[in-house]
């Protein structure tokens, strides 16, 4: 990874516009070499950190996601034909005053972090892209079960999602993935005739989280006029618009684009670090033998830093006997002795 840094610096000089902001720290050369060494089917993935990820038209085939019957996209011209009607319908999407303040603050956060451009009036957006040549996604607030507030950009309301074509979709693990990992270890012990030795070991479990995961996946700048969110500043009493430079929550193509890098990272952790490692979107569950004294988890964190996507320190759960994954607490203290893992719902 160290020897490849000059090559990544050279490659990143080819990044244009907003891609150079969002993906300025991505170790593109490392991703390219990993793609070759792993014989990874998604060969164009490293290049997308130079050009940005497309969201319009048929999404390029990755070969690492689940096949589905082809869903053809609506053409961009047909989508833009709805722009005048969409502009008039925006007033039906007005948020409450509290939500509006929160959503505006999120726009300013995205601007400060380099994930988005300046807020614009409709006139300024028309001057940038041309009247009727851009289409916003209204932003709304959702409150998750854990009380976290999250901005969602409605990619369905005005047809953005219909302009993306698919022949693949994602697959996700469940909250019981730690048991899948433990079972894999036990099965290998049977195959290698070392069940007795494994029973003398103890398993540990932990967790990690990718911060702002979607935002670090750069959008193709050529699609900027259709990667615009709409928010309502109460003080200004009018809609304001902001071009997003990364992927947005609420857009179907964003899910596919994020999972391309997610799948490669999971493969690297499993094949190179030999870690029991899975991700549900940006949430990580990992297990290791207690005898390793946490080394595997430290290597995982180091590898994410090498790639250019450091994990969020405040959400790290160091390896121990218990952890929470997707709302279920699991205890692995005696899993290798008893063959059982206890799962209990998260206490609210």
Protein backbone atom coordinates (compact mmCIF):
# COMPACT_ATOMS: atom_id res chain seq x y z
CA UNK A 1 0.00 0.00 0.00
CA UNK A 2 2.83 2.39 0.82
CA UNK A 3 4.65 1.77 -2.46
CA UNK A 4 1.43 2.42 -4.38
CA UNK A 5 0.80 5.86 -2.84
CA UNK A 6 2.64 7.80 -5.60
CA UNK A 7 0.55 6.00 -8.22
CA UNK A 8 -2.68 6.91 -6.40
CA UNK A 9 -1.54 10.54 -6.24
CA UNK A 10 -0.93 10.47 -9.99
CA UNK A 11 -4.29 8.86 -10.73
CA UNK A 12 -6.20 11.32 -8.55
CA UNK A 13 -4.93 14.16 -10.74
CA UNK A 14 -7.39 12.86 -13.33
CA UNK A 15 -10.37 13.42 -11.01
CA UNK A 16 -12.64 16.18 -12.26
CA UNK A 17 -14.79 18.67 -10.37
CA UNK A 18 -16.68 17.30 -7.40
CA UNK A 19 -15.05 13.85 -7.65
CA UNK A 20 -11.75 15.45 -6.67
CA UNK A 21 -13.42 16.75 -3.51
CA UNK A 22 -15.27 13.60 -2.42
CA UNK A 23 -12.62 11.01 -3.35
CA UNK A 24 -9.50 13.08 -2.69
CA UNK A 25 -8.13 10.56 -0.17
CA UNK A 26 -9.11 7.29 -1.86
CA UNK A 27 -6.17 4.94 -2.44
CA UNK A 28 -7.26 4.20 -6.01
CA UNK A 29 -4.13 2.24 -6.92
CA UNK A 30 -4.59 -0.03 -3.90
CA UNK A 31 -8.18 -0.74 -4.97
CA UNK A 32 -6.97 -1.54 -8.48
CA UNK A 33 -4.31 -3.97 -7.28
CA UNK A 34 -6.80 -5.59 -4.89
CA UNK A 35 -9.20 -6.05 -7.82
CA UNK A 36 -6.50 -7.89 -9.76
CA UNK A 37 -5.19 -10.02 -6.90
CA UNK A 38 -8.68 -11.04 -5.77
CA UNK A 39 -9.77 -11.68 -9.37
CA UNK A 40 -12.68 -9.40 -8.49
CA UNK A 41 -15.39 -9.26 -11.19
CA UNK A 42 -16.21 -5.57 -10.65
CA UNK A 43 -13.16 -4.40 -12.58
CA UNK A 44 -14.39 -0.85 -13.24
CA UNK A 45 -14.84 -0.03 -9.54
CA UNK A 46 -11.43 1.67 -9.01
CA UNK A 47 -11.98 3.84 -12.10
CA UNK A 48 -15.24 5.15 -10.68
CA UNK A 49 -13.25 6.93 -7.97
CA UNK A 50 -11.75 8.92 -10.84
CA UNK A 51 -14.88 9.50 -12.97
CA UNK A 52 -17.66 9.24 -10.38
CA UNK A 53 -20.48 6.69 -10.22
CA UNK A 54 -23.36 6.95 -12.68
CA UNK A 55 -26.95 6.86 -11.46
CA UNK A 56 -28.81 7.40 -14.75
CA UNK A 57 -29.49 4.87 -17.50
CA UNK A 58 -28.61 1.20 -17.12
CA UNK A 59 -26.17 0.86 -14.25
CA UNK A 60 -23.01 -0.93 -15.29
CA UNK A 61 -22.88 -4.60 -14.41
CA UNK A 62 -20.71 -5.46 -11.42
CA UNK A 63 -20.80 -9.26 -11.35
CA UNK A 64 -20.77 -9.23 -7.53
CA UNK A 65 -24.45 -8.54 -6.81
CA UNK A 66 -27.55 -10.74 -7.15
CA UNK A 67 -29.05 -11.06 -10.62
CA UNK A 68 -32.63 -9.89 -11.13
CA UNK A 69 -34.86 -9.54 -14.21
CA UNK A 70 -33.81 -6.44 -16.11
CA UNK A 71 -35.54 -3.18 -15.18
CA UNK A 72 -35.18 -0.67 -17.99
CA UNK A 73 -34.75 3.03 -17.16
CA UNK A 74 -36.87 5.96 -18.21
CA UNK A 75 -34.86 8.25 -20.50
CA UNK A 76 -33.36 11.45 -19.11
CA UNK A 77 -35.36 13.51 -21.59
CA UNK A 78 -38.62 11.91 -20.45
CA UNK A 79 -37.62 12.57 -16.86
CA UNK A 80 -36.79 16.23 -17.52
CA UNK A 81 -40.12 16.67 -19.30
CA UNK A 82 -41.71 16.43 -15.84
CA UNK A 83 -39.57 19.26 -14.41
CA UNK A 84 -42.22 22.04 -14.72
CA UNK A 85 -44.87 19.92 -13.00
CA UNK A 86 -42.39 18.86 -10.33
CA UNK A 87 -41.54 22.49 -9.60
CA UNK A 88 -45.21 23.27 -9.01
CA UNK A 89 -45.67 20.15 -6.85
CA UNK A 90 -42.82 21.03 -4.49
CA UNK A 91 -45.12 23.04 -2.24
CA UNK A 92 -46.89 19.80 -1.35
CA UNK A 93 -43.62 18.60 0.23
CA UNK A 94 -43.23 21.38 2.80
CA UNK A 95 -41.68 20.07 6.06
CA UNK A 96 -42.69 21.16 9.52
CA UNK A 97 -40.77 24.08 10.98
CA UNK A 98 -38.68 21.83 13.25
CA UNK A 99 -37.88 19.45 10.42
CA UNK A 100 -37.04 22.37 8.12
CA UNK A 101 -34.45 23.69 10.58
CA UNK A 102 -32.89 20.25 10.92
CA UNK A 103 -32.80 19.65 7.15
CA UNK A 104 -31.24 23.04 6.47
CA UNK A 105 -28.57 22.31 9.07
CA UNK A 106 -27.82 19.02 7.31
CA UNK A 107 -27.39 20.90 4.01
CA UNK A 108 -24.86 23.20 5.69
CA UNK A 109 -23.04 20.16 7.13
CA UNK A 110 -22.79 18.59 3.67
CA UNK A 111 -21.45 21.87 2.31
CA UNK A 112 -18.86 22.20 5.08
CA UNK A 113 -17.65 18.63 4.58
CA UNK A 114 -17.32 19.00 0.82
CA UNK A 115 -20.17 16.61 0.04
CA UNK A 116 -22.34 19.26 -1.64
CA UNK A 117 -22.30 22.67 -3.29
CA UNK A 118 -23.75 25.99 -2.18
CA UNK A 119 -27.47 26.42 -1.67
CA UNK A 120 -29.12 28.06 -4.69
CA UNK A 121 -32.40 29.74 -5.47
CA UNK A 122 -34.45 28.46 -8.39
CA UNK A 123 -33.16 31.34 -10.49
CA UNK A 124 -29.56 30.45 -9.74
CA UNK A 125 -30.20 26.78 -10.56
CA UNK A 126 -31.84 27.80 -13.84
CA UNK A 127 -28.79 29.91 -14.66
CA UNK A 128 -26.46 27.00 -13.93
CA UNK A 129 -28.25 24.22 -15.81
CA UNK A 130 -30.98 25.90 -17.83
CA UNK A 131 -34.67 26.22 -17.08
CA UNK A 132 -36.32 22.81 -17.19
CA UNK A 133 -32.92 21.05 -17.47
CA UNK A 134 -32.63 20.07 -13.81
CA UNK A 135 -34.86 18.25 -11.34
CA UNK A 136 -34.72 18.31 -7.53
CA UNK A 137 -35.43 15.66 -4.93
CA UNK A 138 -37.37 17.07 -1.93
CA UNK A 139 -35.63 16.39 1.36
CA UNK A 140 -37.54 15.15 4.40
CA UNK A 141 -36.68 14.01 7.91
CA UNK A 142 -37.02 10.51 9.32
CA UNK A 143 -36.48 9.47 12.94
CA UNK A 144 -35.02 6.00 13.40
CA UNK A 145 -35.93 3.57 16.17
CA UNK A 146 -32.84 4.61 18.14
CA UNK A 147 -33.97 8.25 18.03
CA UNK A 148 -31.45 9.36 15.41
CA UNK A 149 -32.67 11.99 12.96
CA UNK A 150 -31.70 11.41 9.34
CA UNK A 151 -32.28 13.43 6.16
CA UNK A 152 -33.79 11.45 3.29
CA UNK A 153 -33.92 12.71 -0.29
CA UNK A 154 -37.04 11.49 -2.07
CA UNK A 155 -35.77 9.85 -5.24
CA UNK A 156 -39.18 8.37 -5.99
CA UNK A 157 -41.53 11.36 -5.91
CA UNK A 158 -40.38 13.05 -9.13
CA UNK A 159 -39.08 9.96 -10.96
CA UNK A 160 -35.34 9.97 -10.29
CA UNK A 161 -35.38 6.30 -9.36
CA UNK A 162 -37.24 5.36 -12.52
CA UNK A 163 -34.36 6.84 -14.56
CA UNK A 164 -32.02 4.14 -13.19
CA UNK A 165 -31.99 0.71 -14.82
CA UNK A 166 -30.99 -2.45 -12.97
CA UNK A 167 -30.20 -6.08 -13.65
CA UNK A 168 -28.61 -6.66 -10.22
CA UNK A 169 -29.59 -5.95 -6.63
CA UNK A 170 -28.03 -6.21 -3.19
CA UNK A 171 -28.13 -9.01 -0.63
CA UNK A 172 -27.92 -8.30 3.10
CA UNK A 173 -27.01 -10.36 6.12
CA UNK A 174 -29.27 -10.49 9.19
CA UNK A 175 -28.79 -9.71 12.86
CA UNK A 176 -27.83 -13.38 13.32
CA UNK A 177 -24.69 -13.11 11.17
CA UNK A 178 -22.41 -13.60 14.22
CA UNK A 179 -23.87 -17.11 14.51
CA UNK A 180 -23.13 -17.72 10.81
CA UNK A 181 -19.51 -16.74 11.45
CA UNK A 182 -19.21 -18.98 14.51
CA UNK A 183 -20.73 -21.91 12.63
CA UNK A 184 -18.21 -21.45 9.82
CA UNK A 185 -15.37 -21.74 12.33
CA UNK A 186 -16.90 -24.87 13.86
CA UNK A 187 -17.37 -26.45 10.42
CA UNK A 188 -13.74 -25.82 9.55
CA UNK A 189 -12.69 -27.42 12.82
CA UNK A 190 -14.59 -30.57 11.81
CA UNK A 191 -13.04 -30.59 8.35
CA UNK A 192 -9.53 -30.14 9.76
CA UNK A 193 -10.07 -32.58 12.64
CA UNK A 194 -9.31 -30.06 15.37
CA UNK A 195 -12.66 -29.84 17.18
CA UNK A 196 -11.06 -30.55 20.55
CA UNK A 197 -8.52 -27.76 20.15
CA UNK A 198 -11.23 -25.30 19.09
CA UNK A 199 -13.34 -26.14 22.14
CA UNK A 200 -10.48 -24.85 24.31
CA UNK A 201 -10.66 -21.45 22.60
CA UNK A 202 -13.12 -18.64 23.22
CA UNK A 203 -14.72 -16.32 20.68
CA UNK A 204 -15.00 -12.54 20.87
CA UNK A 205 -17.28 -10.17 18.99
CA UNK A 206 -17.19 -6.48 18.11
CA UNK A 207 -18.55 -3.83 15.79
CA UNK A 208 -17.54 -0.95 13.52
CA UNK A 209 -19.32 1.72 11.49
CA UNK A 210 -18.46 3.61 8.30
CA UNK A 211 -19.24 7.31 8.85
CA UNK A 212 -21.13 9.16 6.08
CA UNK A 213 -20.74 6.02 3.98
CA UNK A 214 -22.86 7.06 1.01
CA UNK A 215 -21.33 10.53 0.82
CA UNK A 216 -17.82 9.15 0.17
CA UNK A 217 -19.03 7.48 -3.05
CA UNK A 218 -18.64 10.25 -5.66
CA UNK A 219 -21.44 10.98 -8.11
CA UNK A 220 -20.65 11.44 -11.79
CA UNK A 221 -20.40 15.25 -12.20
CA UNK A 222 -22.11 15.01 -15.61
CA UNK A 223 -25.31 14.05 -13.76
CA UNK A 224 -25.16 16.97 -11.34
CA UNK A 225 -28.39 18.57 -12.59
CA UNK A 226 -30.29 15.46 -11.48
CA UNK A 227 -28.44 15.03 -8.19
CA UNK A 228 -30.06 18.08 -6.60
CA UNK A 229 -31.92 18.20 -3.28
CA UNK A 230 -34.59 20.70 -2.30
CA UNK A 231 -34.89 22.12 1.21
CA UNK A 232 -37.06 24.82 2.79
CA UNK A 233 -35.27 27.49 4.87
CA UNK A 234 -38.01 28.89 7.09
CA UNK A 235 -36.39 32.34 7.30
CA UNK A 236 -36.20 32.69 3.51
CA UNK A 237 -39.73 31.37 2.95
CA UNK A 238 -38.77 29.75 -0.36
CA UNK A 239 -37.27 26.53 -1.67
CA UNK A 240 -33.50 26.32 -1.93
CA UNK A 241 -31.54 23.77 -3.94
CA UNK A 242 -28.20 22.05 -3.48
CA UNK A 243 -26.18 19.81 -5.78
CA UNK A 244 -24.92 16.72 -3.98
CA UNK A 245 -21.43 15.51 -4.84
CA UNK A 246 -21.79 12.07 -3.21
CA UNK A 247 -24.59 9.52 -3.12
CA UNK A 248 -27.88 10.47 -1.44
CA UNK A 249 -30.15 8.48 0.86
CA UNK A 250 -33.42 7.78 -0.89
CA UNK A 251 -32.06 7.16 -4.37
CA UNK A 252 -32.11 3.55 -5.59
CA UNK A 253 -28.88 3.81 -7.58
CA UNK A 254 -27.05 5.06 -4.48
CA UNK A 255 -27.64 1.71 -2.78
CA UNK A 256 -26.06 -0.18 -5.68
CA UNK A 257 -23.15 2.24 -6.00
CA UNK A 258 -22.31 2.06 -2.30
CA UNK A 259 -22.50 -1.71 -2.17
CA UNK A 260 -19.88 -2.01 -4.90
CA UNK A 261 -17.13 -0.74 -2.60
CA UNK A 262 -18.73 -2.43 0.40
CA UNK A 263 -18.56 -5.86 -1.25
CA UNK A 264 -14.90 -5.42 -2.20
CA UNK A 265 -13.99 -4.33 1.33
CA UNK A 266 -15.73 -7.36 2.82
CA UNK A 267 -13.84 -9.65 0.45
CA UNK A 268 -10.49 -8.05 1.37
CA UNK A 269 -11.16 -8.43 5.10
CA UNK A 270 -12.14 -12.08 4.72
CA UNK A 271 -9.51 -13.22 2.23
CA UNK A 272 -6.46 -11.18 3.20
CA UNK A 273 -7.00 -10.70 6.94
CA UNK A 274 -8.91 -13.98 7.38
CA UNK A 275 -11.44 -12.17 9.56
CA UNK A 276 -14.98 -13.25 10.36
CA UNK A 277 -16.33 -10.03 8.90
CA UNK A 278 -19.69 -8.93 7.45
CA UNK A 279 -21.40 -5.64 6.71
CA UNK A 280 -25.07 -4.65 6.70
CA UNK A 281 -24.89 -1.47 4.64
CA UNK A 282 -22.33 0.54 6.68
CA UNK A 283 -22.58 -1.48 9.93
CA UNK A 284 -19.88 -4.06 10.63
CA UNK A 285 -20.02 -7.25 12.68
CA UNK A 286 -16.74 -9.08 13.25
CA UNK A 287 -15.55 -11.93 15.43
CA UNK A 288 -12.14 -13.36 16.30
CA UNK A 289 -10.56 -15.76 18.75
CA UNK A 290 -9.78 -14.23 22.14
CA UNK A 291 -6.23 -15.60 21.80
CA UNK A 292 -5.64 -13.04 19.02
CA UNK A 293 -5.96 -10.27 21.66
CA UNK A 294 -7.76 -7.90 19.30
CA UNK A 295 -5.12 -7.89 16.57
CA UNK A 296 -7.62 -8.77 13.84
CA UNK A 297 -9.81 -5.79 14.65
CA UNK A 298 -6.81 -3.46 14.70
CA UNK A 299 -5.81 -4.71 11.26
CA UNK A 300 -9.36 -4.13 10.00
CA UNK A 301 -9.25 -0.53 11.17
CA UNK A 302 -5.81 -0.05 9.64
CA UNK A 303 -6.93 -1.43 6.28
CA UNK A 304 -9.93 0.91 6.14
CA UNK A 305 -7.54 3.81 6.82
CA UNK A 306 -5.26 2.60 4.02
CA UNK A 307 -8.15 2.54 1.56
CA UNK A 308 -9.10 6.09 2.53
CA UNK A 309 -12.31 5.30 4.41
CA UNK A 310 -11.45 5.43 8.14
CA UNK A 311 -14.01 3.92 10.49
CA UNK A 312 -15.90 6.02 13.03
CA UNK A 313 -14.05 5.89 16.35
CA UNK A 314 -17.09 6.87 18.44
CA UNK A 315 -19.05 3.82 17.27
CA UNK A 316 -16.27 1.24 17.57
CA UNK A 317 -17.01 -1.72 19.83
CA UNK A 318 -13.78 -3.46 20.81
CA UNK A 319 -13.79 -7.24 20.73
CA UNK A 320 -15.35 -8.70 23.88
CA UNK A 321 -17.93 -11.33 24.82
CA UNK A 322 -21.04 -9.27 23.92
CA UNK A 323 -22.02 -6.86 21.16
CA UNK A 324 -25.08 -5.42 19.45
CA UNK A 325 -25.69 -5.93 15.74
CA UNK A 326 -28.82 -4.58 14.04
CA UNK A 327 -30.76 -4.30 17.27
CA UNK A 328 -29.90 -7.75 18.65
CA UNK A 329 -27.40 -8.27 21.44
CA UNK A 330 -25.42 -11.49 21.14
CA UNK A 331 -23.22 -13.25 23.67
CA UNK A 332 -20.42 -15.46 22.33
CA UNK A 333 -18.58 -16.21 25.57
CA UNK A 334 -19.09 -20.00 25.45
CA UNK A 335 -20.09 -20.38 21.81
CA UNK A 336 -17.19 -22.64 20.83
CA UNK A 337 -17.79 -24.94 23.82
CA UNK A 338 -21.59 -25.16 23.77
CA UNK A 339 -22.27 -24.57 20.09
CA UNK A 340 -24.81 -21.91 21.05
CA UNK A 341 -25.03 -18.11 20.92
CA UNK A 342 -27.59 -16.23 22.98
CA UNK A 343 -29.46 -13.43 21.16
CA UNK A 344 -31.62 -10.92 22.99
CA UNK A 345 -33.42 -7.83 21.63
CA UNK A 346 -31.76 -4.53 22.31
CA UNK A 347 -33.15 -2.87 25.42
CA UNK A 348 -34.68 0.50 24.55
